[in-house]
Amino acid sequence: MLEVFRSVHELGNDRVWLLVSLASAAVGGLLIYVAIGEKNATLASLIEISYPFFVALFAWIFFRETHFNLATIAGGLLILGGVLTVFVVNRG
């Protein structure tokens, strides 16, 4: 446990970013639970399961990094296709 505190201390000014990331993850988790309570679990899970697409998009926008190949593009299309399918079925 002491190593964890030592590692956090070594972050220096980046401790602020650690706190920001922890706070945003906590708020995101809380909002998922609120969404499940306010709407239905299916709709909330559709939003939650589409996050890899947005992670890849933001990595490209902010860092100009792309890790796209045929397999990742096919996987992303399958995820978005599944989200779309469940969304359309639940609307009708």
PDB file of N, CA and C in Angstrom:
ATOM      1  N   MET A   1       0.825  -1.196   0.000  1.00  0.00           N
ATOM      2  CA  MET A   1       0.000   0.000   0.000  1.00  0.00           C
ATOM      3  C   MET A   1       0.864   1.253   0.000  1.00  0.00           C
ATOM      4  N   LEU A   2       2.007   1.173   0.624  1.00  0.00           N
ATOM      5  CA  LEU A   2       2.910   2.313   0.677  1.00  0.00           C
ATOM      6  C   LEU A   2       3.401   2.689  -0.716  1.00  0.00           C
ATOM      7  N   GLU A   3       3.549   1.683  -1.597  1.00  0.00           N
ATOM      8  CA  GLU A   3       4.001   1.956  -2.957  1.00  0.00           C
ATOM      9  C   GLU A   3       2.997   2.813  -3.719  1.00  0.00           C
ATOM     10  N   VAL A   4       1.717   2.628  -3.430  1.00  0.00           N
ATOM     11  CA  VAL A   4       0.687   3.411  -4.107  1.00  0.00           C
ATOM     12  C   VAL A   4       0.834   4.880  -3.742  1.00  0.00           C
ATOM     13  N   PHE A   5       0.999   5.173  -2.455  1.00  0.00           N
ATOM     14  CA  PHE A   5       1.162   6.557  -2.034  1.00  0.00           C
ATOM     15  C   PHE A   5       2.452   7.151  -2.583  1.00  0.00           C
ATOM     16  N   ARG A   6       3.489   6.355  -2.642  1.00  0.00           N
ATOM     17  CA  ARG A   6       4.756   6.821  -3.198  1.00  0.00           C
ATOM     18  C   ARG A   6       4.595   7.127  -4.684  1.00  0.00           C
ATOM     19  N   SER A   7       3.855   6.295  -5.389  1.00  0.00           N
ATOM     20  CA  SER A   7       3.631   6.530  -6.813  1.00  0.00           C
ATOM     21  C   SER A   7       2.813   7.788  -7.046  1.00  0.00           C
ATOM     22  N   VAL A   8       1.787   8.001  -6.231  1.00  0.00           N
ATOM     23  CA  VAL A   8       0.965   9.204  -6.363  1.00  0.00           C
ATOM     24  C   VAL A   8       1.800  10.441  -6.056  1.00  0.00           C
ATOM     25  N   HIS A   9       2.672  10.354  -5.064  1.00  0.00           N
ATOM     26  CA  HIS A   9       3.530  11.487  -4.719  1.00  0.00           C
ATOM     27  C   HIS A   9       4.485  11.818  -5.869  1.00  0.00           C
ATOM     28  N   GLU A  10       4.935  10.816  -6.588  1.00  0.00           N
ATOM     29  CA  GLU A  10       5.854  11.033  -7.701  1.00  0.00           C
ATOM     30  C   GLU A  10       5.187  11.668  -8.914  1.00  0.00           C
ATOM     31  N   LEU A  11       3.869  11.737  -8.928  1.00  0.00           N
ATOM     32  CA  LEU A  11       3.175  12.340 -10.059  1.00  0.00           C
ATOM     33  C   LEU A  11       3.406  13.841 -10.143  1.00  0.00           C
ATOM     34  N   GLY A  12       3.695  14.470  -9.023  1.00  0.00           N
ATOM     35  CA  GLY A  12       3.933  15.913  -9.023  1.00  0.00           C
ATOM     36  C   GLY A  12       2.679  16.671  -9.403  1.00  0.00           C
ATOM     37  N   ASN A  13       2.805  17.548 -10.409  1.00  0.00           N
ATOM     38  CA  ASN A  13       1.671  18.371 -10.843  1.00  0.00           C
ATOM     39  C   ASN A  13       0.596  17.562 -11.556  1.00  0.00           C
ATOM     40  N   ASP A  14       0.918  16.357 -11.957  1.00  0.00           N
ATOM     41  CA  ASP A  14      -0.073  15.519 -12.634  1.00  0.00           C
ATOM     42  C   ASP A  14      -1.087  14.925 -11.664  1.00  0.00           C
ATOM     43  N   ARG A  15      -0.916  15.162 -10.382  1.00  0.00           N
ATOM     44  CA  ARG A  15      -1.913  14.689  -9.410  1.00  0.00           C
ATOM     45  C   ARG A  15      -3.269  15.313  -9.672  1.00  0.00           C
ATOM     46  N   VAL A  16      -3.261  16.538 -10.170  1.00  0.00           N
ATOM     47  CA  VAL A  16      -4.528  17.210 -10.498  1.00  0.00           C
ATOM     48  C   VAL A  16      -5.263  16.413 -11.561  1.00  0.00           C
ATOM     49  N   TRP A  17      -4.537  15.949 -12.582  1.00  0.00           N
ATOM     50  CA  TRP A  17      -5.171  15.168 -13.652  1.00  0.00           C
ATOM     51  C   TRP A  17      -5.660  13.821 -13.131  1.00  0.00           C
ATOM     52  N   LEU A  18      -4.947  13.257 -12.169  1.00  0.00           N
ATOM     53  CA  LEU A  18      -5.407  12.018 -11.544  1.00  0.00           C
ATOM     54  C   LEU A  18      -6.740  12.257 -10.851  1.00  0.00           C
ATOM     55  N   LEU A  19      -6.838  13.340 -10.111  1.00  0.00           N
ATOM     56  CA  LEU A  19      -8.090  13.664  -9.416  1.00  0.00           C
ATOM     57  C   LEU A  19      -9.213  13.963 -10.397  1.00  0.00           C
ATOM     58  N   VAL A  20      -8.896  14.652 -11.476  1.00  0.00           N
ATOM     59  CA  VAL A  20      -9.912  14.943 -12.498  1.00  0.00           C
ATOM     60  C   VAL A  20     -10.427  13.649 -13.120  1.00  0.00           C
ATOM     61  N   SER A  21      -9.525  12.730 -13.418  1.00  0.00           N
ATOM     62  CA  SER A  21      -9.952  11.475 -14.038  1.00  0.00           C
ATOM     63  C   SER A  21     -10.761  10.627 -13.064  1.00  0.00           C
ATOM     64  N   LEU A  22     -10.363  10.602 -11.803  1.00  0.00           N
ATOM     65  CA  LEU A  22     -11.136   9.852 -10.807  1.00  0.00           C
ATOM     66  C   LEU A  22     -12.520  10.453 -10.608  1.00  0.00           C
ATOM     67  N   ALA A  23     -12.584  11.778 -10.551  1.00  0.00           N
ATOM     68  CA  ALA A  23     -13.877  12.442 -10.376  1.00  0.00           C
ATOM     69  C   ALA A  23     -14.778  12.218 -11.585  1.00  0.00           C
ATOM     70  N   SER A  24     -14.221  12.319 -12.792  1.00  0.00           N
ATOM     71  CA  SER A  24     -15.055  12.119 -13.975  1.00  0.00           C
ATOM     72  C   SER A  24     -15.527  10.675 -14.095  1.00  0.00           C
ATOM     73  N   ALA A  25     -14.699   9.714 -13.698  1.00  0.00           N
ATOM     74  CA  ALA A  25     -15.128   8.317 -13.714  1.00  0.00           C
ATOM     75  C   ALA A  25     -16.239   8.078 -12.699  1.00  0.00           C
ATOM     76  N   ALA A  26     -16.126   8.700 -11.531  1.00  0.00           N
ATOM     77  CA  ALA A  26     -17.166   8.551 -10.511  1.00  0.00           C
ATOM     78  C   ALA A  26     -18.480   9.181 -10.966  1.00  0.00           C
ATOM     79  N   VAL A  27     -18.398  10.362 -11.565  1.00  0.00           N
ATOM     80  CA  VAL A  27     -19.609  11.028 -12.064  1.00  0.00           C
ATOM     81  C   VAL A  27     -20.227  10.217 -13.196  1.00  0.00           C
ATOM     82  N   GLY A  28     -19.391   9.672 -14.080  1.00  0.00           N
ATOM     83  CA  GLY A  28     -19.906   8.842 -15.173  1.00  0.00           C
ATOM     84  C   GLY A  28     -20.630   7.609 -14.660  1.00  0.00           C
ATOM     85  N   GLY A  29     -20.044   6.945 -13.671  1.00  0.00           N
ATOM     86  CA  GLY A  29     -20.708   5.777 -13.070  1.00  0.00           C
ATOM     87  C   GLY A  29     -22.028   6.146 -12.418  1.00  0.00           C
ATOM     88  N   LEU A  30     -22.034   7.270 -11.710  1.00  0.00           N
ATOM     89  CA  LEU A  30     -23.265   7.738 -11.077  1.00  0.00           C
ATOM     90  C   LEU A  30     -24.336   8.044 -12.114  1.00  0.00           C
ATOM     91  N   LEU A  31     -23.942   8.676 -13.213  1.00  0.00           N
ATOM     92  CA  LEU A  31     -24.911   9.015 -14.248  1.00  0.00           C
ATOM     93  C   LEU A  31     -25.486   7.780 -14.931  1.00  0.00           C
ATOM     94  N   ILE A  32     -24.704   6.724 -15.041  1.00  0.00           N
ATOM     95  CA  ILE A  32     -25.242   5.477 -15.597  1.00  0.00           C
ATOM     96  C   ILE A  32     -26.340   4.934 -14.679  1.00  0.00           C
ATOM     97  N   TYR A  33     -26.094   4.936 -13.360  1.00  0.00           N
ATOM     98  CA  TYR A  33     -27.109   4.457 -12.419  1.00  0.00           C
ATOM     99  C   TYR A  33     -28.350   5.342 -12.450  1.00  0.00           C
ATOM    100  N   VAL A  34     -28.165   6.645 -12.580  1.00  0.00           N
ATOM    101  CA  VAL A  34     -29.311   7.555 -12.668  1.00  0.00           C
ATOM    102  C   VAL A  34     -30.088   7.291 -13.953  1.00  0.00           C
ATOM    103  N   ALA A  35     -29.371   7.069 -15.061  1.00  0.00           N
ATOM    104  CA  ALA A  35     -30.034   6.793 -16.338  1.00  0.00           C
ATOM    105  C   ALA A  35     -30.845   5.509 -16.275  1.00  0.00           C
ATOM    106  N   ILE A  36     -30.302   4.494 -15.614  1.00  0.00           N
ATOM    107  CA  ILE A  36     -31.036   3.236 -15.465  1.00  0.00           C
ATOM    108  C   ILE A  36     -32.299   3.467 -14.650  1.00  0.00           C
ATOM    109  N   GLY A  37     -32.193   4.286 -13.606  1.00  0.00           N
ATOM    110  CA  GLY A  37     -33.363   4.565 -12.772  1.00  0.00           C
ATOM    111  C   GLY A  37     -34.405   5.428 -13.455  1.00  0.00           C
ATOM    112  N   GLU A  38     -33.982   6.392 -14.264  1.00  0.00           N
ATOM    113  CA  GLU A  38     -34.904   7.317 -14.908  1.00  0.00           C
ATOM    114  C   GLU A  38     -35.551   6.737 -16.158  1.00  0.00           C
ATOM    115  N   LYS A  39     -34.781   6.038 -16.958  1.00  0.00           N
ATOM    116  CA  LYS A  39     -35.318   5.429 -18.172  1.00  0.00           C
ATOM    117  C   LYS A  39     -35.385   3.927 -17.949  1.00  0.00           C
ATOM    118  N   ASN A  40     -34.870   3.173 -18.891  1.00  0.00           N
ATOM    119  CA  ASN A  40     -34.830   1.728 -18.688  1.00  0.00           C
ATOM    120  C   ASN A  40     -33.393   1.246 -18.842  1.00  0.00           C
ATOM    121  N   ALA A  41     -33.135   0.084 -18.352  1.00  0.00           N
ATOM    122  CA  ALA A  41     -31.781  -0.459 -18.355  1.00  0.00           C
ATOM    123  C   ALA A  41     -31.278  -0.714 -19.774  1.00  0.00           C
ATOM    124  N   THR A  42     -32.167  -1.067 -20.681  1.00  0.00           N
ATOM    125  CA  THR A  42     -31.754  -1.350 -22.053  1.00  0.00           C
ATOM    126  C   THR A  42     -31.204  -0.111 -22.726  1.00  0.00           C
ATOM    127  N   LEU A  43     -31.909   1.000 -22.614  1.00  0.00           N
ATOM    128  CA  LEU A  43     -31.462   2.233 -23.235  1.00  0.00           C
ATOM    129  C   LEU A  43     -30.162   2.723 -22.600  1.00  0.00           C
ATOM    130  N   ALA A  44     -30.052   2.634 -21.294  1.00  0.00           N
ATOM    131  CA  ALA A  44     -28.831   3.061 -20.615  1.00  0.00           C
ATOM    132  C   ALA A  44     -27.642   2.187 -21.009  1.00  0.00           C
ATOM    133  N   SER A  45     -27.878   0.889 -21.152  1.00  0.00           N
ATOM    134  CA  SER A  45     -26.773   0.006 -21.539  1.00  0.00           C
ATOM    135  C   SER A  45     -26.339   0.243 -22.978  1.00  0.00           C
ATOM    136  N   LEU A  46     -27.255   0.657 -23.840  1.00  0.00           N
ATOM    137  CA  LEU A  46     -26.886   0.984 -25.213  1.00  0.00           C
ATOM    138  C   LEU A  46     -25.933   2.167 -25.248  1.00  0.00           C
ATOM    139  N   ILE A  47     -26.206   3.148 -24.439  1.00  0.00           N
ATOM    140  CA  ILE A  47     -25.326   4.309 -24.380  1.00  0.00           C
ATOM    141  C   ILE A  47     -23.982   3.907 -23.795  1.00  0.00           C
ATOM    142  N   GLU A  48     -24.011   3.095 -22.763  1.00  0.00           N
ATOM    143  CA  GLU A  48     -22.769   2.699 -22.101  1.00  0.00           C
ATOM    144  C   GLU A  48     -21.912   1.809 -22.996  1.00  0.00           C
ATOM    145  N   ILE A  49     -22.525   0.921 -23.738  1.00  0.00           N
ATOM    146  CA  ILE A  49     -21.738  -0.023 -24.540  1.00  0.00           C
ATOM    147  C   ILE A  49     -21.127   0.644 -25.773  1.00  0.00           C
ATOM    148  N   SER A  50     -21.601   1.814 -26.147  1.00  0.00           N
ATOM    149  CA  SER A  50     -21.048   2.493 -27.311  1.00  0.00           C
ATOM    150  C   SER A  50     -19.830   3.343 -26.969  1.00  0.00           C
ATOM    151  N   TYR A  51     -19.365   3.313 -25.727  1.00  0.00           N
ATOM    152  CA  TYR A  51     -18.239   4.166 -25.345  1.00  0.00           C
ATOM    153  C   TYR A  51     -16.941   3.839 -26.068  1.00  0.00           C
ATOM    154  N   PRO A  52     -16.638   2.584 -26.477  1.00  0.00           N
ATOM    155  CA  PRO A  52     -15.378   2.384 -27.209  1.00  0.00           C
ATOM    156  C   PRO A  52     -15.299   3.185 -28.505  1.00  0.00           C
ATOM    157  N   PHE A  53     -16.432   3.363 -29.149  1.00  0.00           N
ATOM    158  CA  PHE A  53     -16.457   4.173 -30.370  1.00  0.00           C
ATOM    159  C   PHE A  53     -16.025   5.605 -30.072  1.00  0.00           C
ATOM    160  N   PHE A  54     -16.545   6.160 -28.987  1.00  0.00           N
ATOM    161  CA  PHE A  54     -16.212   7.537 -28.647  1.00  0.00           C
ATOM    162  C   PHE A  54     -14.789   7.665 -28.117  1.00  0.00           C
ATOM    163  N   VAL A  55     -14.289   6.654 -27.445  1.00  0.00           N
ATOM    164  CA  VAL A  55     -12.889   6.665 -27.012  1.00  0.00           C
ATOM    165  C   VAL A  55     -11.973   6.727 -28.225  1.00  0.00           C
ATOM    166  N   ALA A  56     -12.251   5.914 -29.221  1.00  0.00           N
ATOM    167  CA  ALA A  56     -11.441   5.930 -30.440  1.00  0.00           C
ATOM    168  C   ALA A  56     -11.569   7.265 -31.162  1.00  0.00           C
ATOM    169  N   LEU A  57     -12.759   7.804 -31.205  1.00  0.00           N
ATOM    170  CA  LEU A  57     -12.978   9.086 -31.862  1.00  0.00           C
ATOM    171  C   LEU A  57     -12.213  10.204 -31.160  1.00  0.00           C
ATOM    172  N   PHE A  58     -12.304  10.262 -29.831  1.00  0.00           N
ATOM    173  CA  PHE A  58     -11.610  11.313 -29.088  1.00  0.00           C
ATOM    174  C   PHE A  58     -10.098  11.132 -29.127  1.00  0.00           C
ATOM    175  N   ALA A  59      -9.619   9.896 -29.158  1.00  0.00           N
ATOM    176  CA  ALA A  59      -8.177   9.667 -29.296  1.00  0.00           C
ATOM    177  C   ALA A  59      -7.689  10.205 -30.636  1.00  0.00           C
ATOM    178  N   TRP A  60      -8.498  10.046 -31.656  1.00  0.00           N
ATOM    179  CA  TRP A  60      -8.116  10.568 -32.958  1.00  0.00           C
ATOM    180  C   TRP A  60      -8.182  12.097 -32.973  1.00  0.00           C
ATOM    181  N   ILE A  61      -9.230  12.659 -32.380  1.00  0.00           N
ATOM    182  CA  ILE A  61      -9.388  14.123 -32.385  1.00  0.00           C
ATOM    183  C   ILE A  61      -8.299  14.800 -31.562  1.00  0.00           C
ATOM    184  N   PHE A  62      -8.081  14.327 -30.341  1.00  0.00           N
ATOM    185  CA  PHE A  62      -7.175  15.022 -29.433  1.00  0.00           C
ATOM    186  C   PHE A  62      -5.708  14.656 -29.631  1.00  0.00           C
ATOM    187  N   PHE A  63      -5.426  13.413 -29.940  1.00  0.00           N
ATOM    188  CA  PHE A  63      -4.043  12.955 -29.998  1.00  0.00           C
ATOM    189  C   PHE A  63      -3.584  12.572 -31.396  1.00  0.00           C
ATOM    190  N   ARG A  64      -4.486  12.597 -32.370  1.00  0.00           N
ATOM    191  CA  ARG A  64      -4.184  12.171 -33.732  1.00  0.00           C
ATOM    192  C   ARG A  64      -3.608  10.757 -33.772  1.00  0.00           C
ATOM    193  N   GLU A  65      -4.124   9.908 -32.901  1.00  0.00           N
ATOM    194  CA  GLU A  65      -3.718   8.503 -32.870  1.00  0.00           C
ATOM    195  C   GLU A  65      -4.832   7.651 -33.454  1.00  0.00           C
ATOM    196  N   THR A  66      -4.465   6.769 -34.329  1.00  0.00           N
ATOM    197  CA  THR A  66      -5.444   5.829 -34.859  1.00  0.00           C
ATOM    198  C   THR A  66      -4.895   4.424 -34.720  1.00  0.00           C
ATOM    199  N   HIS A  67      -5.712   3.567 -34.226  1.00  0.00           N
ATOM    200  CA  HIS A  67      -5.367   2.157 -34.102  1.00  0.00           C
ATOM    201  C   HIS A  67      -6.386   1.329 -34.877  1.00  0.00           C
ATOM    202  N   PHE A  68      -6.839   1.917 -35.965  1.00  0.00           N
ATOM    203  CA  PHE A  68      -7.856   1.255 -36.757  1.00  0.00           C
ATOM    204  C   PHE A  68      -7.211   0.280 -37.744  1.00  0.00           C
ATOM    205  N   ASN A  69      -7.774  -0.887 -37.783  1.00  0.00           N
ATOM    206  CA  ASN A  69      -7.476  -1.853 -38.826  1.00  0.00           C
ATOM    207  C   ASN A  69      -8.801  -2.518 -39.167  1.00  0.00           C
ATOM    208  N   LEU A  70      -8.766  -3.496 -40.018  1.00  0.00           N
ATOM    209  CA  LEU A  70     -10.011  -4.117 -40.461  1.00  0.00           C
ATOM    210  C   LEU A  70     -10.790  -4.733 -39.304  1.00  0.00           C
ATOM    211  N   ALA A  71     -10.089  -5.360 -38.360  1.00  0.00           N
ATOM    212  CA  ALA A  71     -10.764  -6.011 -37.233  1.00  0.00           C
ATOM    213  C   ALA A  71     -11.420  -4.998 -36.302  1.00  0.00           C
ATOM    214  N   THR A  72     -10.731  -3.889 -36.000  1.00  0.00           N
ATOM    215  CA  THR A  72     -11.330  -2.909 -35.094  1.00  0.00           C
ATOM    216  C   THR A  72     -12.493  -2.182 -35.749  1.00  0.00           C
ATOM    217  N   ILE A  73     -12.392  -1.923 -37.034  1.00  0.00           N
ATOM    218  CA  ILE A  73     -13.505  -1.279 -37.731  1.00  0.00           C
ATOM    219  C   ILE A  73     -14.708  -2.212 -37.784  1.00  0.00           C
ATOM    220  N   ALA A  74     -14.481  -3.485 -38.061  1.00  0.00           N
ATOM    221  CA  ALA A  74     -15.585  -4.456 -38.087  1.00  0.00           C
ATOM    222  C   ALA A  74     -16.208  -4.593 -36.702  1.00  0.00           C
ATOM    223  N   GLY A  75     -15.395  -4.637 -35.659  1.00  0.00           N
ATOM    224  CA  GLY A  75     -15.923  -4.717 -34.299  1.00  0.00           C
ATOM    225  C   GLY A  75     -16.733  -3.494 -33.929  1.00  0.00           C
ATOM    226  N   GLY A  76     -16.242  -2.334 -34.306  1.00  0.00           N
ATOM    227  CA  GLY A  76     -16.986  -1.100 -34.034  1.00  0.00           C
ATOM    228  C   GLY A  76     -18.314  -1.063 -34.760  1.00  0.00           C
ATOM    229  N   LEU A  77     -18.316  -1.513 -36.011  1.00  0.00           N
ATOM    230  CA  LEU A  77     -19.571  -1.557 -36.766  1.00  0.00           C
ATOM    231  C   LEU A  77     -20.550  -2.564 -36.170  1.00  0.00           C
ATOM    232  N   LEU A  78     -20.036  -3.685 -35.669  1.00  0.00           N
ATOM    233  CA  LEU A  78     -20.915  -4.653 -35.004  1.00  0.00           C
ATOM    234  C   LEU A  78     -21.530  -4.077 -33.739  1.00  0.00           C
ATOM    235  N   ILE A  79     -20.729  -3.361 -32.955  1.00  0.00           N
ATOM    236  CA  ILE A  79     -21.248  -2.734 -31.738  1.00  0.00           C
ATOM    237  C   ILE A  79     -22.325  -1.719 -32.086  1.00  0.00           C
ATOM    238  N   LEU A  80     -22.022  -0.819 -33.020  1.00  0.00           N
ATOM    239  CA  LEU A  80     -23.011   0.190 -33.390  1.00  0.00           C
ATOM    240  C   LEU A  80     -24.242  -0.428 -34.036  1.00  0.00           C
ATOM    241  N   GLY A  81     -24.056  -1.505 -34.814  1.00  0.00           N
ATOM    242  CA  GLY A  81     -25.201  -2.201 -35.390  1.00  0.00           C
ATOM    243  C   GLY A  81     -26.080  -2.840 -34.329  1.00  0.00           C
ATOM    244  N   GLY A  82     -25.455  -3.417 -33.316  1.00  0.00           N
ATOM    245  CA  GLY A  82     -26.224  -3.989 -32.209  1.00  0.00           C
ATOM    246  C   GLY A  82     -26.966  -2.936 -31.432  1.00  0.00           C
ATOM    247  N   VAL A  83     -26.317  -1.817 -31.193  1.00  0.00           N
ATOM    248  CA  VAL A  83     -26.979  -0.702 -30.490  1.00  0.00           C
ATOM    249  C   VAL A  83     -28.177  -0.224 -31.299  1.00  0.00           C
ATOM    250  N   LEU A  84     -27.998  -0.052 -32.576  1.00  0.00           N
ATOM    251  CA  LEU A  84     -29.080   0.399 -33.444  1.00  0.00           C
ATOM    252  C   LEU A  84     -30.218  -0.604 -33.484  1.00  0.00           C
ATOM    253  N   THR A  85     -29.888  -1.884 -33.558  1.00  0.00           N
ATOM    254  CA  THR A  85     -30.925  -2.927 -33.602  1.00  0.00           C
ATOM    255  C   THR A  85     -31.769  -2.926 -32.340  1.00  0.00           C
ATOM    256  N   VAL A  86     -31.129  -2.909 -31.193  1.00  0.00           N
ATOM    257  CA  VAL A  86     -31.882  -2.926 -29.928  1.00  0.00           C
ATOM    258  C   VAL A  86     -32.685  -1.644 -29.783  1.00  0.00           C
ATOM    259  N   PHE A  87     -32.147  -0.526 -30.198  1.00  0.00           N
ATOM    260  CA  PHE A  87     -32.863   0.751 -30.106  1.00  0.00           C
ATOM    261  C   PHE A  87     -34.115   0.735 -30.963  1.00  0.00           C
ATOM    262  N   VAL A  88     -33.990   0.264 -32.203  1.00  0.00           N
ATOM    263  CA  VAL A  88     -35.144   0.233 -33.108  1.00  0.00           C
ATOM    264  C   VAL A  88     -36.204  -0.746 -32.607  1.00  0.00           C
ATOM    265  N   VAL A  89     -35.789  -1.898 -32.107  1.00  0.00           N
ATOM    266  CA  VAL A  89     -36.753  -2.899 -31.604  1.00  0.00           C
ATOM    267  C   VAL A  89     -37.499  -2.360 -30.394  1.00  0.00           C
ATOM    268  N   ASN A  90     -36.814  -1.636 -29.516  1.00  0.00           N
ATOM    269  CA  ASN A  90     -37.469  -1.118 -28.304  1.00  0.00           C
ATOM    270  C   ASN A  90     -38.369   0.074 -28.589  1.00  0.00           C
ATOM    271  N   ARG A  91     -38.162   0.773 -29.691  1.00  0.00           N
ATOM    272  CA  ARG A  91     -39.022   1.897 -30.027  1.00  0.00           C
ATOM    273  C   ARG A  91     -40.380   1.438 -30.539  1.00  0.00           C
ATOM    274  N   GLY A  92     -40.380   0.301 -31.225  1.00  0.00           N
ATOM    275  CA  GLY A  92     -41.601  -0.171 -31.870  1.00  0.00           C
ATOM    276  C   GLY A  92     -42.440  -0.897 -30.939  1.00  0.00           C
TER     277      GLY A  92
END
